[in-house]
C-alpha atoms as a PDB file:
ATOM      1  CA  MET A   1     -77.497  65.057  43.222  1.00  0.00           C
ATOM      2  CA  GLN A   2     -78.626  62.413  45.770  1.00  0.00           C
ATOM      3  CA  ALA A   3     -79.272  59.054  44.176  1.00  0.00           C
ATOM      4  CA  VAL A   4     -81.042  57.428  47.144  1.00  0.00           C
ATOM      5  CA  ASP A   5     -84.529  55.901  46.941  1.00  0.00           C
ATOM      6  CA  LYS A   6     -86.595  54.231  49.426  1.00  0.00           C
ATOM      7  CA  LYS A   7     -88.055  50.785  48.764  1.00  0.00           C
ATOM      8  CA  ASP A   8     -91.535  50.119  50.032  1.00  0.00           C
ATOM      9  CA  ASP A   9     -90.275  48.210  52.977  1.00  0.00           C
ATOM     10  CA  GLY A  10     -88.210  51.237  54.159  1.00  0.00           C
ATOM     11  CA  ARG A  11     -84.649  50.021  53.076  1.00  0.00           C
ATOM     12  CA  ALA A  12     -82.509  52.712  51.310  1.00  0.00           C
ATOM     13  CA  VAL A  13     -81.407  51.885  47.775  1.00  0.00           C
ATOM     14  CA  TYR A  14     -78.271  53.416  46.365  1.00  0.00           C
ATOM     15  CA  TRP A  15     -77.731  54.041  42.638  1.00  0.00           C
ATOM     16  CA  GLY A  16     -74.589  54.167  40.448  1.00  0.00           C
ATOM     17  CA  THR A  17     -74.046  53.953  36.708  1.00  0.00           C
ATOM     18  CA  GLY A  18     -70.919  52.625  35.245  1.00  0.00           C
ATOM     19  CA  ARG A  19     -69.704  52.593  31.638  1.00  0.00           C
ATOM     20  CA  ARG A  20     -66.876  50.780  29.840  1.00  0.00           C
ATOM     21  CA  LYS A  21     -66.273  50.409  26.224  1.00  0.00           C
ATOM     22  CA  SER A  22     -69.769  50.181  24.764  1.00  0.00           C
ATOM     23  CA  ALA A  23     -71.250  48.588  27.962  1.00  0.00           C
ATOM     24  CA  VAL A  24     -73.502  50.480  30.323  1.00  0.00           C
ATOM     25  CA  ALA A  25     -74.495  49.074  33.788  1.00  0.00           C
ATOM     26  CA  ARG A  26     -77.152  50.566  35.976  1.00  0.00           C
ATOM     27  CA  VAL A  27     -76.346  49.380  39.575  1.00  0.00           C
ATOM     28  CA  ARG A  28     -78.502  49.441  42.704  1.00  0.00           C
ATOM     29  CA  LEU A  29     -77.223  48.629  46.203  1.00  0.00           C
ATOM     30  CA  VAL A  30     -79.769  47.327  48.511  1.00  0.00           C
ATOM     31  CA  PRO A  31     -79.119  46.085  52.161  1.00  0.00           C
ATOM     32  CA  GLY A  32     -79.035  42.367  52.014  1.00  0.00           C
ATOM     33  CA  GLU A  33     -76.688  39.440  52.171  1.00  0.00           C
ATOM     34  CA  GLY A  34     -74.286  39.899  49.344  1.00  0.00           C
ATOM     35  CA  LYS A  35     -76.217  38.486  46.395  1.00  0.00           C
ATOM     36  CA  LEU A  36     -75.410  39.558  42.791  1.00  0.00           C
ATOM     37  CA  ILE A  37     -78.373  39.773  40.314  1.00  0.00           C
ATOM     38  CA  VAL A  38     -77.707  40.853  36.664  1.00  0.00           C
ATOM     39  CA  ASN A  39     -80.549  41.243  34.250  1.00  0.00           C
ATOM     40  CA  GLY A  40     -82.762  38.989  36.552  1.00  0.00           C
ATOM     41  CA  LYS A  41     -80.170  36.102  36.566  1.00  0.00           C
ATOM     42  CA  PRO A  42     -77.803  35.255  39.427  1.00  0.00           C
ATOM     43  CA  GLY A  43     -74.527  37.036  38.832  1.00  0.00           C
ATOM     44  CA  ASP A  44     -72.444  33.923  38.814  1.00  0.00           C
ATOM     45  CA  LEU A  45     -74.509  32.312  36.104  1.00  0.00           C
ATOM     46  CA  TYR A  46     -74.553  35.621  33.990  1.00  0.00           C
ATOM     47  CA  PHE A  47     -70.749  35.945  34.205  1.00  0.00           C
ATOM     48  CA  GLN A  48     -70.333  32.204  33.428  1.00  0.00           C
ATOM     49  CA  PHE A  49     -68.787  31.321  36.788  1.00  0.00           C
ATOM     50  CA  ASN A  50     -65.697  33.234  35.912  1.00  0.00           C
ATOM     51  CA  ALA A  51     -63.889  34.078  39.117  1.00  0.00           C
ATOM     52  CA  SER A  52     -62.130  37.005  37.673  1.00  0.00           C
ATOM     53  CA  TYR A  53     -65.276  38.804  36.475  1.00  0.00           C
ATOM     54  CA  LEU A  54     -66.950  38.205  39.760  1.00  0.00           C
ATOM     55  CA  GLY A  55     -63.770  39.413  41.722  1.00  0.00           C
ATOM     56  CA  ILE A  56     -63.748  42.520  39.567  1.00  0.00           C
ATOM     57  CA  ILE A  57     -67.313  43.282  40.430  1.00  0.00           C
ATOM     58  CA  LYS A  58     -66.952  42.660  44.201  1.00  0.00           C
ATOM     59  CA  ALA A  59     -63.621  44.477  44.623  1.00  0.00           C
ATOM     60  CA  PRO A  60     -65.017  47.823  45.783  1.00  0.00           C
ATOM     61  CA  LEU A  61     -67.119  46.065  48.424  1.00  0.00           C
ATOM     62  CA  GLU A  62     -64.192  44.018  49.614  1.00  0.00           C
ATOM     63  CA  THR A  63     -62.076  47.184  49.833  1.00  0.00           C
ATOM     64  CA  LEU A  64     -64.604  48.633  52.289  1.00  0.00           C
ATOM     65  CA  GLY A  65     -65.357  45.301  54.011  1.00  0.00           C
ATOM     66  CA  LEU A  66     -69.066  45.306  52.914  1.00  0.00           C
ATOM     67  CA  GLU A  67     -69.136  42.245  50.731  1.00  0.00           C
ATOM     68  CA  ASN A  68     -71.967  40.465  52.800  1.00  0.00           C
ATOM     69  CA  GLU A  69     -74.010  43.575  53.671  1.00  0.00           C
ATOM     70  CA  TYR A  70     -75.462  44.702  50.314  1.00  0.00           C
ATOM     71  CA  ASP A  71     -77.143  43.033  47.371  1.00  0.00           C
ATOM     72  CA  ILE A  72     -76.093  44.278  44.032  1.00  0.00           C
ATOM     73  CA  LEU A  73     -78.871  44.494  41.453  1.00  0.00           C
ATOM     74  CA  VAL A  74     -77.750  45.256  37.907  1.00  0.00           C
ATOM     75  CA  LYS A  75     -79.252  46.211  34.517  1.00  0.00           C
ATOM     76  CA  ALA A  76     -76.334  45.667  32.010  1.00  0.00           C
ATOM     77  CA  GLU A  77     -76.522  46.527  28.362  1.00  0.00           C
ATOM     78  CA  GLY A  78     -74.149  46.530  25.475  1.00  0.00           C
ATOM     79  CA  GLY A  79     -70.641  45.231  25.114  1.00  0.00           C
ATOM     80  CA  GLY A  80     -69.271  41.854  26.257  1.00  0.00           C
ATOM     81  CA  LEU A  81     -68.720  40.420  29.748  1.00  0.00           C
ATOM     82  CA  THR A  82     -65.392  42.081  30.185  1.00  0.00           C
ATOM     83  CA  GLY A  83     -66.841  45.596  29.505  1.00  0.00           C
ATOM     84  CA  GLN A  84     -69.962  44.849  31.555  1.00  0.00           C
ATOM     85  CA  SER A  85     -68.006  43.556  34.558  1.00  0.00           C
ATOM     86  CA  ASP A  86     -65.834  46.650  34.571  1.00  0.00           C
ATOM     87  CA  ALA A  87     -68.956  48.895  34.150  1.00  0.00           C
ATOM     88  CA  VAL A  88     -70.646  47.202  37.051  1.00  0.00           C
ATOM     89  CA  ARG A  89     -67.410  47.747  39.176  1.00  0.00           C
ATOM     90  CA  LEU A  90     -67.601  51.464  38.516  1.00  0.00           C
ATOM     91  CA  GLY A  91     -71.364  51.557  39.235  1.00  0.00           C
ATOM     92  CA  VAL A  92     -70.886  49.734  42.563  1.00  0.00           C
ATOM     93  CA  ALA A  93     -68.029  52.202  43.489  1.00  0.00           C
ATOM     94  CA  ARG A  94     -70.249  55.195  42.528  1.00  0.00           C
ATOM     95  CA  ALA A  95     -73.188  53.823  44.660  1.00  0.00           C
ATOM     96  CA  LEU A  96     -70.857  53.220  47.538  1.00  0.00           C
ATOM     97  CA  CYS A  97     -69.846  56.965  47.442  1.00  0.00           C
ATOM     98  CA  GLN A  98     -73.679  57.819  47.652  1.00  0.00           C
ATOM     99  CA  LEU A  99     -73.776  55.417  50.654  1.00  0.00           C
ATOM    100  CA  ASP A 100     -71.200  57.278  52.652  1.00  0.00           C
ATOM    101  CA  PRO A 101     -68.934  60.091  51.333  1.00  0.00           C
ATOM    102  CA  GLU A 102     -66.123  58.719  53.621  1.00  0.00           C
ATOM    103  CA  ASN A 103     -65.932  55.656  51.249  1.00  0.00           C
ATOM    104  CA  ARG A 104     -64.647  57.986  48.376  1.00  0.00           C
ATOM    105  CA  SER A 105     -60.994  58.263  49.406  1.00  0.00           C
ATOM    106  CA  PRO A 106     -60.198  54.495  49.766  1.00  0.00           C
ATOM    107  CA  LEU A 107     -62.026  53.736  46.513  1.00  0.00           C
ATOM    108  CA  LYS A 108     -60.339  56.495  44.745  1.00  0.00           C
ATOM    109  CA  THR A 109     -56.856  55.200  45.834  1.00  0.00           C
ATOM    110  CA  GLU A 110     -57.735  51.761  44.441  1.00  0.00           C
ATOM    111  CA  GLY A 111     -58.661  53.419  41.208  1.00  0.00           C
ATOM    112  CA  TYR A 112     -62.318  52.125  41.228  1.00  0.00           C
ATOM    113  CA  LEU A 113     -63.875  55.652  40.562  1.00  0.00           C
ATOM    114  CA  THR A 114     -61.920  56.121  37.336  1.00  0.00           C
ATOM    115  CA  ARG A 115     -63.763  55.514  34.157  1.00  0.00           C
ATOM    116  CA  ASP A 116     -61.680  53.595  31.585  1.00  0.00           C
ATOM    117  CA  PRO A 117     -61.822  55.753  28.393  1.00  0.00           C
ATOM    118  CA  ARG A 118     -60.456  53.157  26.066  1.00  0.00           C
ATOM    119  CA  SER A 119     -62.841  52.099  23.325  1.00  0.00           C
ATOM    120  CA  LYS A 120     -62.821  50.433  19.951  1.00  0.00           C
ATOM    121  CA  GLU A 121     -61.282  52.648  17.154  1.00  0.00           C
ATOM    122  CA  ARG A 122     -63.481  52.981  14.106  1.00  0.00           C
ATOM    123  CA  LYS A 123     -62.543  51.319  10.837  1.00  0.00           C
ATOM    124  CA  LYS A 124     -61.124  53.553   8.127  1.00  0.00           C
ATOM    125  CA  TYR A 125     -61.914  53.163   4.465  1.00  0.00           C
ATOM    126  CA  GLY A 126     -59.172  51.410   2.440  1.00  0.00           C
ATOM    127  CA  LEU A 127     -58.123  49.368   5.398  1.00  0.00           C
ATOM    128  CA  HIS A 128     -59.098  46.013   6.732  1.00  0.00           C
ATOM    129  CA  LYS A 129     -59.663  47.190  10.300  1.00  0.00           C
ATOM    130  CA  ALA A 130     -58.780  50.493  12.089  1.00  0.00           C
ATOM    131  CA  ARG A 131     -55.166  50.262  11.152  1.00  0.00           C
ATOM    132  CA  LYS A 132     -54.549  46.969   9.455  1.00  0.00           C
ATOM    133  CA  ALA A 133     -53.565  47.752   5.869  1.00  0.00           C
ATOM    134  CA  PRO A 134     -53.795  45.469   2.742  1.00  0.00           C
ATOM    135  CA  GLN A 135     -50.672  43.487   1.998  1.00  0.00           C
ATOM    136  CA  TYR A 136     -48.115  45.557   0.205  1.00  0.00           C
ATOM    137  CA  SER A 137     -47.328  44.207  -3.341  1.00  0.00           C
ATOM    138  CA  LYS A 138     -44.238  45.612  -5.121  1.00  0.00           C
ATOM    139  CA  ARG A 139     -45.298  44.357  -8.614  1.00  0.00           C
END
């Protein structure tokens, strides 16, 4: 499965999909100067200028030393900013594996290719939340 397209100007586009909690991020890596665009907005504006979210997203590129060579174009849906930023990180890492199979081992050792399976547990009947029970009354 090769997820590489050609844009009309001849540049290669690399795809990767990331998921975390209920967030899904479809990521495209395009040769450029390191811009991040999420849902049509600049990435720093979308992630509210939060340095930790932006650092999480750019971590796979920084591991490989490619932070100023590719633009990241993202379509993010569902969840909140934390889940979306982790989903984008996974999508970027997968797209970098499409770019060059040699990138896989350094990304794998850093843990960027592992999908975090934790998600919200469903609420059960008779309880306030998934596990929070009503207060016990002796009489």
